[in-house]
Structures are given as C-alpha cells and as structure tokens.
Protein backbone atom coordinates (compact mmCIF):
# COMPACT_ATOMS: atom_id res chain seq x y z
CA MET A 1 0.00 0.00 0.00
CA ASN A 2 1.49 3.36 -0.95
CA GLY A 3 1.74 6.46 1.22
CA ARG A 4 -1.02 8.25 -0.64
CA THR A 5 -3.47 5.46 0.09
CA ARG A 6 -2.61 5.58 3.78
CA ARG A 7 -3.18 9.32 3.91
CA HIS A 8 -6.59 9.16 2.25
CA PHE A 9 -7.72 5.95 3.94
CA PRO A 10 -5.97 5.90 7.33
CA PHE A 11 -7.88 2.81 8.45
CA ALA A 12 -7.36 0.69 5.37
CA ALA A 13 -4.76 -1.57 6.99
CA PRO A 14 -5.85 -4.13 9.61
CA PHE A 15 -4.80 -3.38 13.20
CA GLY A 16 -2.56 -6.42 13.53
CA MET A 17 -5.64 -8.66 13.50
CA PRO A 18 -5.97 -11.99 11.66
CA GLU A 19 -7.68 -12.38 8.32
CA ARG A 20 -11.44 -12.74 8.47
CA MET A 21 -12.64 -15.95 10.10
CA SER A 22 -15.13 -18.28 8.49
CA VAL A 23 -18.57 -17.17 9.68
CA ALA A 24 -20.23 -20.47 8.85
CA ALA A 25 -17.76 -22.45 10.95
CA SER A 26 -17.79 -20.13 13.96
CA GLU A 27 -19.96 -20.05 17.03
CA PRO A 28 -22.55 -17.25 17.05
CA VAL A 29 -21.63 -14.03 18.80
CA VAL A 30 -25.30 -12.96 18.96
CA GLU A 31 -28.19 -15.43 19.01
CA ALA A 32 -31.73 -14.14 19.51
CA VAL A 33 -34.69 -16.52 19.56
CA GLY A 34 -38.25 -15.19 19.74
CA LEU A 35 -36.90 -12.00 21.27
CA GLY A 36 -39.35 -9.37 22.48
CA LYS A 37 -39.05 -6.08 24.34
CA SER A 38 -41.84 -3.97 25.80
CA PHE A 39 -41.87 -0.75 27.77
CA GLY A 40 -45.10 -0.70 29.73
CA ARG A 41 -47.88 -1.32 27.23
CA THR A 42 -45.71 -0.44 24.25
CA THR A 43 -44.11 -3.36 22.44
CA VAL A 44 -40.99 -2.25 20.58
CA LEU A 45 -39.55 -5.60 19.50
CA ARG A 46 -41.54 -8.79 18.93
CA ASP A 47 -40.76 -12.40 18.04
CA PHE A 48 -37.34 -11.45 16.67
CA SER A 49 -34.81 -14.14 15.81
CA LEU A 50 -31.28 -13.53 14.56
CA ARG A 51 -27.94 -15.29 14.54
CA ILE A 52 -24.72 -13.34 13.92
CA GLY A 53 -21.55 -15.37 13.45
CA SER A 54 -18.10 -14.36 14.62
CA GLY A 55 -16.48 -11.97 12.17
CA GLU A 56 -19.76 -11.13 10.42
CA THR A 57 -21.02 -7.62 9.69
CA VAL A 58 -24.78 -7.10 9.56
CA ALA A 59 -26.47 -3.90 8.38
CA LEU A 60 -29.86 -3.17 9.93
CA PHE A 61 -32.26 -0.87 8.12
CA GLY A 62 -35.70 0.39 9.04
CA PRO A 63 -37.69 3.59 9.65
CA ASN A 64 -37.56 5.54 12.89
CA GLY A 65 -39.37 3.62 15.61
CA ALA A 66 -38.76 0.24 13.99
CA GLY A 67 -36.89 -1.07 17.04
CA LYS A 68 -33.30 -0.81 15.77
CA SER A 69 -31.91 1.12 18.75
CA THR A 70 -33.72 -1.16 21.19
CA LEU A 71 -32.17 -4.22 19.52
CA LEU A 72 -28.69 -2.71 19.82
CA ARG A 73 -29.20 -1.92 23.49
CA LEU A 74 -30.42 -5.46 24.11
CA CYS A 75 -27.29 -6.83 22.43
CA ALA A 76 -25.20 -4.48 24.57
CA THR A 77 -26.91 -5.97 27.67
CA LEU A 78 -28.24 -2.55 28.67
CA TYR A 79 -31.82 -3.86 28.40
CA ARG A 80 -33.19 -7.23 29.43
CA PRO A 81 -35.56 -9.05 27.05
CA SER A 82 -39.25 -9.11 27.94
CA THR A 83 -39.73 -12.40 26.08
CA GLY A 84 -37.58 -14.91 24.25
CA ARG A 85 -33.87 -15.55 24.65
CA LEU A 86 -30.79 -13.54 23.82
CA LEU A 87 -27.29 -14.96 24.07
CA VAL A 88 -24.22 -12.78 23.54
CA PHE A 89 -20.99 -14.78 23.33
CA GLY A 90 -23.06 -17.73 24.53
CA HIS A 91 -24.23 -16.02 27.74
CA GLU A 92 -27.60 -14.75 28.89
CA GLY A 93 -27.73 -11.78 31.24
CA THR A 94 -24.77 -9.50 31.80
CA SER A 95 -21.46 -9.15 33.60
CA ALA A 96 -18.54 -6.75 33.58
CA ALA A 97 -16.45 -9.31 31.70
CA LEU A 98 -19.11 -9.66 29.00
CA ARG A 99 -19.55 -5.91 28.57
CA ARG A 100 -15.83 -5.50 28.15
CA ARG A 101 -16.13 -7.51 24.94
CA ILE A 102 -18.71 -5.07 23.53
CA GLY A 103 -18.34 -1.59 22.04
CA LEU A 104 -21.47 0.57 21.69
CA LEU A 105 -21.97 3.80 19.75
CA THR A 106 -25.40 5.40 20.20
CA HIS A 107 -26.98 8.80 19.66
CA GLN A 108 -25.48 9.78 23.03
CA SER A 109 -21.73 10.24 22.93
CA PHE A 110 -21.17 9.46 26.65
CA LEU A 111 -18.39 12.08 26.58
CA TYR A 112 -17.77 14.71 29.24
CA PRO A 113 -18.08 18.14 27.61
CA ASP A 114 -15.71 19.98 29.93
CA LEU A 115 -12.92 17.44 29.51
CA SER A 116 -10.67 17.52 26.49
CA ALA A 117 -10.87 14.84 23.83
CA ARG A 118 -7.69 13.27 25.17
CA GLU A 119 -8.85 13.43 28.80
CA ASN A 120 -12.11 11.72 27.86
CA LEU A 121 -10.33 8.81 26.20
CA ILE A 122 -7.81 8.52 29.04
CA PHE A 123 -10.71 8.34 31.51
CA TYR A 124 -12.35 5.49 29.58
CA GLY A 125 -9.01 3.81 28.98
CA ARG A 126 -8.34 3.68 32.70
CA MET A 127 -11.86 2.38 33.36
CA TYR A 128 -11.04 -0.54 31.07
CA ALA A 129 -7.56 -0.92 32.60
CA ILE A 130 -5.96 -0.60 29.17
CA ALA A 131 -2.19 -1.04 29.24
CA HIS A 132 -0.18 1.99 28.08
CA THR A 133 -3.38 4.04 28.12
CA GLU A 134 -1.92 7.34 26.96
CA ARG A 135 -0.11 5.74 24.03
CA VAL A 136 -3.30 3.95 22.95
CA VAL A 137 -5.33 7.17 23.31
CA ASP A 138 -2.90 9.15 21.18
CA ALA A 139 -3.04 6.46 18.50
CA TRP A 140 -6.84 6.60 18.42
CA LEU A 141 -6.90 10.39 18.26
CA GLU A 142 -4.70 10.06 15.19
CA ARG A 143 -6.92 7.40 13.66
CA VAL A 144 -10.06 9.53 13.95
CA ALA A 145 -8.26 12.66 12.74
CA LEU A 146 -8.46 14.50 16.08
CA ALA A 147 -4.79 14.53 17.06
CA ASP A 148 -4.52 18.28 16.43
CA THR A 149 -7.57 19.06 18.58
CA GLY A 150 -7.06 16.52 21.36
CA ALA A 151 -6.42 19.23 23.97
CA ARG A 152 -9.65 21.10 23.25
CA PRO A 153 -12.76 20.57 25.43
CA VAL A 154 -15.46 18.48 23.83
CA ARG A 155 -18.06 21.23 24.36
CA VAL A 156 -16.50 23.24 21.50
CA PHE A 157 -16.50 20.30 19.08
CA SER A 158 -18.76 20.13 16.06
CA ARG A 159 -21.26 17.27 15.87
CA GLY A 160 -19.01 15.42 13.46
CA MET A 161 -15.93 15.79 15.66
CA GLU A 162 -17.86 14.58 18.69
CA GLN A 163 -19.13 11.59 16.70
CA ARG A 164 -15.58 10.64 15.69
CA LEU A 165 -14.41 10.91 19.30
CA ALA A 166 -17.35 8.80 20.47
CA LEU A 167 -16.34 6.16 17.94
CA ALA A 168 -12.80 6.17 19.34
CA ARG A 169 -14.30 5.75 22.82
CA ALA A 170 -16.31 2.74 21.64
CA LEU A 171 -13.25 1.10 20.05
CA LEU A 172 -10.63 2.04 22.62
CA HIS A 173 -10.76 -1.29 24.47
CA GLU A 174 -10.66 -3.37 21.26
CA PRO A 175 -14.16 -4.91 21.61
CA GLU A 176 -14.96 -8.13 19.81
CA LEU A 177 -18.57 -7.06 19.14
CA LEU A 178 -19.22 -3.56 17.83
CA LEU A 179 -22.77 -2.14 17.95
CA LEU A 180 -23.28 1.07 15.98
CA ASP A 181 -26.44 3.20 15.91
CA GLU A 182 -26.42 5.65 12.96
CA PRO A 183 -22.62 6.03 13.03
CA TRP A 184 -22.51 8.27 9.92
CA SER A 185 -24.95 10.77 11.42
CA GLY A 186 -23.52 14.29 11.56
CA LEU A 187 -20.37 13.46 9.60
CA ASP A 188 -19.27 15.41 6.55
CA GLN A 189 -18.25 13.53 3.42
CA ALA A 190 -14.57 13.23 4.34
CA ALA A 191 -15.26 12.05 7.88
CA ALA A 192 -17.92 9.62 6.64
CA ASP A 193 -15.39 8.11 4.21
CA VAL A 194 -12.89 7.76 7.06
CA LEU A 195 -15.49 5.91 9.14
CA THR A 196 -16.39 3.62 6.24
CA GLY A 197 -12.70 2.80 5.80
CA LEU A 198 -12.35 2.04 9.49
CA LEU A 199 -15.34 -0.31 9.52
CA ALA A 200 -14.05 -2.07 6.41
CA ALA A 201 -10.69 -2.62 8.14
CA LEU A 202 -12.36 -3.93 11.29
CA ARG A 203 -14.45 -6.26 9.16
CA ARG A 204 -11.37 -7.61 7.41
CA GLY A 205 -9.76 -8.06 10.81
CA GLY A 206 -12.53 -10.35 12.03
CA ARG A 207 -14.59 -8.06 14.25
CA THR A 208 -18.29 -8.76 14.58
CA ILE A 209 -20.36 -5.68 13.74
CA LEU A 210 -24.07 -4.84 13.89
CA VAL A 211 -24.76 -1.43 12.38
CA ALA A 212 -28.15 0.29 12.29
CA THR A 213 -28.39 3.00 9.66
CA HIS A 214 -30.61 4.79 7.16
CA ASP A 215 -27.70 5.06 4.73
CA PHE A 216 -28.07 2.22 2.21
CA GLU A 217 -24.85 2.90 0.32
CA ARG A 218 -22.55 3.06 3.32
CA GLY A 219 -24.30 0.34 5.28
CA LEU A 220 -24.16 -2.17 2.44
CA ALA A 221 -20.57 -1.23 1.63
CA VAL A 222 -19.36 -2.69 4.92
CA ALA A 223 -21.88 -5.50 5.44
CA ASP A 224 -22.09 -9.21 4.72
CA ARG A 225 -25.84 -9.39 5.36
CA ALA A 226 -28.68 -6.86 5.35
CA LEU A 227 -31.91 -6.82 7.35
CA ILE A 228 -35.02 -4.64 7.41
CA LEU A 229 -36.82 -4.17 10.72
CA LEU A 230 -40.37 -2.82 10.72
CA GLY A 231 -42.74 -2.49 13.64
CA GLY A 232 -40.36 -4.46 15.82
CA ARG A 233 -40.31 -7.43 13.45
CA LEU A 234 -37.76 -8.73 10.99
CA VAL A 235 -39.54 -8.38 7.63
CA TRP A 236 -36.72 -8.93 5.12
CA GLU A 237 -33.22 -10.36 5.01
CA ALA A 238 -30.54 -10.66 2.33
CA ALA A 239 -27.72 -13.16 2.80
CA ASP A 240 -25.51 -11.17 0.38
CA ALA A 241 -25.63 -7.44 1.14
CA ALA A 242 -23.73 -6.37 -1.98
CA ALA A 243 -25.97 -8.36 -4.31
CA ALA A 244 -29.09 -6.90 -2.68
CA ARG A 245 -28.21 -3.29 -3.45
CA PRO A 246 -29.89 -2.91 -6.88
CA ALA A 247 -33.29 -4.01 -5.54
CA LEU A 248 -33.11 -2.62 -2.02
CA ASP A 249 -34.70 0.78 -2.68
CA ALA A 250 -37.79 -0.78 -4.20
CA ILE A 251 -38.01 -3.45 -1.51
CA TYR A 252 -37.65 -0.90 1.27
CA ARG A 253 -40.29 1.36 -0.28
CA ARG A 254 -42.71 -1.52 -0.73
CA LEU A 255 -42.28 -2.81 2.83
CA THR A 256 -42.17 0.48 4.72
CA GLY A 257 -43.84 2.99 2.41
CA ALA A 258 -40.78 5.20 2.82
CA VAL A 259 -37.51 5.94 1.09
CA ALA A 260 -34.21 5.49 2.91
CA ALA A 261 -31.66 8.31 3.02
C-alpha cells in the first residue's frame, strides 16, 4: 500500500488482526430466539430471531421507531428481554467481563463536555484498565483525525468531531462485538469516508459488527448481510448485502412505504 493510500484511507490496513474468520464455521456471537421487548404497554420488539456469526457484519435498516436502537441496546446488555432468549458470546444476562467484549456507539456520545478529547479517552481507557493508556489514546486520536484538537474541550466540538471521538471511545478497548447506531450521522463527506474505511478494516480483521443505519450505500458497503426491521419485526433479510443493493430501494419502499436516506 502506498503512502497516498494511507493518507486518504488511514484505516485501510488491519490493526494487527488476523484475516477474516469463516462465519459459517464459527460459534454465534449474537443469538436471539423469539426476542421481544416492551416498555409498559408499548411493544418495541416482537418475536425477533437472529444469529450473527463471529467476524460477520450485519447492516440493519428500518424507519424511525422500527426497534433498531432497542435491539442494539439489548445486544449491549443494557436492556433485558421481555420475552424470548438472547445470548451474547453464549451467555444470557450481563457481567462486567461480558460488557468488556462489547463496544457501543449510540446517539449519546457518553463524553464529558468539559474534559478535552484526550482526557475523555484517558478516563475510559483507565476504566477498562488498558495497558499503556496514553499511548493507545494518542493512537486513536490520530486514527479519527483529532490529534490536532485533542487538547480542546469536547463542548467546543462540532457534531461530526464529537461523533468521531465517540467512535474512538467505543473502540478504545478493542471490543470483539461492535454495535453502531447511525454512526454516519452528523459526519461530513470526508469524515464519513474515514469511518467507512475504518469499519471495512475492522471487518477484514474479524470483528463482529451490527450497524443500524438509514444510509443504504454506506451500510451495504461494509456489510455481509442486510436486514429490514419494521414495527419491531424482521420483515426482510438478504444473505448477500452487496448483491441486494440494486433491488433494495424498491423493496424498502414496498415494505415500509418510505424511502431510505
């Protein structure tokens, strides 16, 4: 790979991780069977079943209110299922050890606005007892193109800068399962391309990724499989995300009555 490629796609090279593992031969990282989630009288997710193999990337599409964010929070063990079973790395329930294997990016950045970007990452790095925390933090600031602004408080960051820092926070501890809720939201074109390159590198390196997005092009570009969630139910699935692209707009419009971004 030449220097120009590295400058334009700083995440194109794997982070010292092995080549992608065989999904078919691996144990599932996420296995949901008849999963349901209700909040009071409101049912958000119903009779949902899904199996995600180790090293697989799944793109989840659906309109607002479809249940995508709830599914991600269930997989992150932040919510408990109301019905059905959910196993993450073969375990039901939660523990500190299990959560350490998971990275979550949501609409909330979970960053402290009065701390600098670097201070935020150092705080989380120490929470996870990461060895050589400051060195790891500096490397991640470089990877998300924030090295020059690492000393600035987060409260002065643009939405896109905060999103990139939140992504670094989610990846700082090298999670095996990465859960992303609208990760391209608020990013300009250059930053969105950087994120897409990062996810592609993580995918090649064998990470397991579940990404919820309205962005067909970017979601399918990094995914093995594609799903559509509607009204808390799985209504469509494509085993080959790339092959599904030509028909996806029409399928999405027919199923949801809407057009994706």
